[in-house]
C-alpha atoms as a PDB file:
ATOM      1  CA  MET A   1       0.169   0.246   0.109  1.00  0.00           C
ATOM      2  CA  SER A   2       2.917   2.525   0.407  1.00  0.00           C
ATOM      3  CA  SER A   3       3.831   2.348  -3.280  1.00  0.00           C
ATOM      4  CA  ARG A   4       0.308   3.558  -4.005  1.00  0.00           C
ATOM      5  CA  LEU A   5       1.059   6.284  -1.792  1.00  0.00           C
ATOM      6  CA  GLY A   6       3.669   8.523  -4.306  1.00  0.00           C
ATOM      7  CA  ASP A   7       2.099   7.744  -7.430  1.00  0.00           C
ATOM      8  CA  GLY A   8      -0.308   9.808  -7.655  1.00  0.00           C
ATOM      9  CA  LEU A   9      -3.421   7.272  -7.352  1.00  0.00           C
ATOM     10  CA  TRP A  10      -3.570   8.496  -3.507  1.00  0.00           C
ATOM     11  CA  GLU A  11      -3.221  12.176  -4.585  1.00  0.00           C
ATOM     12  CA  ALA A  12      -5.954  11.736  -7.215  1.00  0.00           C
ATOM     13  CA  LYS A  13      -8.652  10.367  -5.149  1.00  0.00           C
ATOM     14  CA  PHE A  14      -8.263  12.155  -1.787  1.00  0.00           C
ATOM     15  CA  ILE A  15      -6.572  15.063  -1.776  1.00  0.00           C
ATOM     16  CA  LEU A  16      -9.075  18.203  -3.137  1.00  0.00           C
ATOM     17  CA  PRO A  17      -7.238  20.524  -5.552  1.00  0.00           C
ATOM     18  CA  GLU A  18      -7.552  23.612  -3.744  1.00  0.00           C
ATOM     19  CA  HIS A  19      -5.576  21.663  -0.961  1.00  0.00           C
ATOM     20  CA  MET A  20      -2.485  20.718  -3.506  1.00  0.00           C
ATOM     21  CA  GLU A  21      -2.875  24.608  -4.721  1.00  0.00           C
ATOM     22  CA  ALA A  22      -1.721  24.947  -1.299  1.00  0.00           C
ATOM     23  CA  MET A  23       1.099  22.516  -0.893  1.00  0.00           C
ATOM     24  CA  LYS A  24       2.914  23.316  -3.761  1.00  0.00           C
ATOM     25  CA  VAL A  25       2.696  27.360  -2.557  1.00  0.00           C
ATOM     26  CA  LYS A  26       3.714  26.425   0.782  1.00  0.00           C
ATOM     27  CA  ALA A  27       6.579  23.999  -0.296  1.00  0.00           C
ATOM     28  CA  ARG A  28       7.291  26.957  -2.742  1.00  0.00           C
ATOM     29  CA  GLU A  29       7.774  29.499   0.615  1.00  0.00           C
ATOM     30  CA  ARG A  30      10.427  27.004   1.400  1.00  0.00           C
ATOM     31  CA  LYS A  31      12.098  27.452  -0.454  1.00  0.00           C
ATOM     32  CA  ARG A  32      12.324  31.158  -0.314  1.00  0.00           C
ATOM     33  CA  LYS A  33      15.821  32.762   0.484  1.00  0.00           C
ATOM     34  CA  THR A  34      16.525  35.543   2.978  1.00  0.00           C
ATOM     35  CA  ARG A  35      18.734  38.492   2.070  1.00  0.00           C
ATOM     36  CA  PRO A  36      22.170  38.181   3.402  1.00  0.00           C
ATOM     37  CA  MET A  37      23.730  41.083   5.645  1.00  0.00           C
ATOM     38  CA  LEU A  38      26.952  42.022   3.775  1.00  0.00           C
ATOM     39  CA  ASP A  39      29.562  43.403   5.837  1.00  0.00           C
ATOM     40  CA  ASP A  40      30.868  46.630   5.199  1.00  0.00           C
ATOM     41  CA  GLN A  41      34.189  46.015   3.078  1.00  0.00           C
ATOM     42  CA  GLU A  42      31.694  44.210   1.270  1.00  0.00           C
ATOM     43  CA  GLN A  43      29.652  47.192   0.709  1.00  0.00           C
ATOM     44  CA  GLU A  44      32.332  49.215  -0.271  1.00  0.00           C
ATOM     45  CA  GLN A  45      34.574  46.973  -2.442  1.00  0.00           C
ATOM     46  CA  ILE A  46      30.576  46.915  -4.395  1.00  0.00           C
ATOM     47  CA  LEU A  47      29.995  50.837  -4.045  1.00  0.00           C
ATOM     48  CA  ARG A  48      33.488  50.562  -5.208  1.00  0.00           C
ATOM     49  CA  ALA A  49      33.453  48.587  -8.755  1.00  0.00           C
ATOM     50  CA  LEU A  50      30.390  50.313  -9.482  1.00  0.00           C
ATOM     51  CA  SER A  51      31.232  54.058  -9.479  1.00  0.00           C
ATOM     52  CA  GLU A  52      34.288  52.865 -11.209  1.00  0.00           C
ATOM     53  CA  SER A  53      32.087  51.478 -14.321  1.00  0.00           C
ATOM     54  CA  LEU A  54      30.061  54.457 -14.341  1.00  0.00           C
ATOM     55  CA  ARG A  55      33.726  56.500 -14.775  1.00  0.00           C
ATOM     56  CA  GLU A  56      35.355  54.961 -16.305  1.00  0.00           C
ATOM     57  CA  HIS A  57      32.283  52.656 -18.597  1.00  0.00           C
ATOM     58  CA  LYS A  58      34.170  49.314 -17.748  1.00  0.00           C
ATOM     59  CA  ARG A  59      31.954  46.516 -17.806  1.00  0.00           C
ATOM     60  CA  ILE A  60      31.195  44.767 -14.657  1.00  0.00           C
ATOM     61  CA  LYS A  61      29.447  41.361 -13.445  1.00  0.00           C
ATOM     62  CA  LEU A  62      27.441  41.475 -10.717  1.00  0.00           C
ATOM     63  CA  ARG A  63      25.577  38.832  -8.300  1.00  0.00           C
ATOM     64  CA  ILE A  64      21.895  40.377  -8.191  1.00  0.00           C
ATOM     65  CA  PHE A  65      19.690  39.004  -4.741  1.00  0.00           C
ATOM     66  CA  GLY A  66      16.749  36.581  -5.725  1.00  0.00           C
ATOM     67  CA  GLU A  67      14.003  35.222  -3.677  1.00  0.00           C
ATOM     68  CA  TYR A  68      14.606  31.801  -5.135  1.00  0.00           C
ATOM     69  CA  LYS A  69      18.074  31.536  -7.046  1.00  0.00           C
ATOM     70  CA  ASP A  70      20.542  34.899  -7.327  1.00  0.00           C
ATOM     71  CA  VAL A  71      21.076  35.871 -11.201  1.00  0.00           C
ATOM     72  CA  GLU A  72      24.375  37.395 -12.897  1.00  0.00           C
ATOM     73  CA  VAL A  73      23.989  40.403 -15.150  1.00  0.00           C
ATOM     74  CA  SER A  74      27.242  41.977 -16.843  1.00  0.00           C
ATOM     75  CA  GLY A  75      26.834  45.783 -18.210  1.00  0.00           C
ATOM     76  CA  ILE A  76      28.064  49.484 -17.788  1.00  0.00           C
ATOM     77  CA  VAL A  77      26.982  51.195 -15.117  1.00  0.00           C
ATOM     78  CA  THR A  78      25.038  54.575 -16.990  1.00  0.00           C
ATOM     79  CA  ALA A  79      23.359  55.941 -14.249  1.00  0.00           C
ATOM     80  CA  VAL A  80      22.747  55.887 -10.893  1.00  0.00           C
ATOM     81  CA  GLN A  81      20.011  57.290  -8.314  1.00  0.00           C
ATOM     82  CA  ARG A  82      21.253  58.123  -4.991  1.00  0.00           C
ATOM     83  CA  TYR A  83      17.457  59.186  -3.399  1.00  0.00           C
ATOM     84  CA  ARG A  84      15.909  55.407  -5.367  1.00  0.00           C
ATOM     85  CA  GLN A  85      19.342  54.027  -4.550  1.00  0.00           C
ATOM     86  CA  GLU A  86      19.032  52.326  -8.222  1.00  0.00           C
ATOM     87  CA  ILE A  87      21.667  51.855 -10.620  1.00  0.00           C
ATOM     88  CA  ARG A  88      20.846  51.562 -14.746  1.00  0.00           C
ATOM     89  CA  LEU A  89      22.977  48.525 -15.547  1.00  0.00           C
ATOM     90  CA  ASP A  90      23.588  48.893 -19.490  1.00  0.00           C
ATOM     91  CA  THR A  91      23.443  45.141 -21.164  1.00  0.00           C
ATOM     92  CA  ALA A  92      23.443  45.940 -24.077  1.00  0.00           C
ATOM     93  CA  PRO A  93      22.777  48.229 -26.965  1.00  0.00           C
ATOM     94  CA  ASP A  94      19.030  49.844 -26.021  1.00  0.00           C
ATOM     95  CA  GLU A  95      18.864  47.364 -23.657  1.00  0.00           C
ATOM     96  CA  TRP A  96      19.036  48.125 -19.805  1.00  0.00           C
ATOM     97  CA  GLU A  97      17.263  47.959 -16.386  1.00  0.00           C
ATOM     98  CA  TRP A  98      17.672  49.182 -13.174  1.00  0.00           C
ATOM     99  CA  ILE A  99      18.369  47.183  -9.629  1.00  0.00           C
ATOM    100  CA  GLU A 100      18.344  48.381  -6.831  1.00  0.00           C
ATOM    101  CA  ILE A 101      22.244  49.016  -4.613  1.00  0.00           C
ATOM    102  CA  ILE A 102      20.715  47.132  -1.682  1.00  0.00           C
ATOM    103  CA  ASP A 103      20.435  43.658  -4.253  1.00  0.00           C
ATOM    104  CA  VAL A 104      23.852  43.419  -5.139  1.00  0.00           C
ATOM    105  CA  LEU A 105      25.503  40.955  -3.613  1.00  0.00           C
ATOM    106  CA  ALA A 106      28.778  40.793  -5.340  1.00  0.00           C
ATOM    107  CA  ALA A 107      30.719  42.543  -7.968  1.00  0.00           C
ATOM    108  CA  GLU A 108      33.423  41.728 -10.207  1.00  0.00           C
END
């Protein structure tokens, strides 16, 4: 009988679709990450790399925090919004994205 529990037969007969959806949402929530706290030295290194990219138009590679998985993007910093704490990263010709500075985990 225990072999039938994992094959979907048990799920199809005894779990309502609403409950199945709630189980999936809870499983997804368990995988959610919390934002790591960077120390002062790491923050200083990130800010230095961002300002160097802005000043010298150098391509930079950033690791951006994501709730489920971190994302790596590369491009050139072309603008800084100090009051919104965002940078504009040009990733390709005519393509850019605004990134919150707090989301940057590493810069190379």
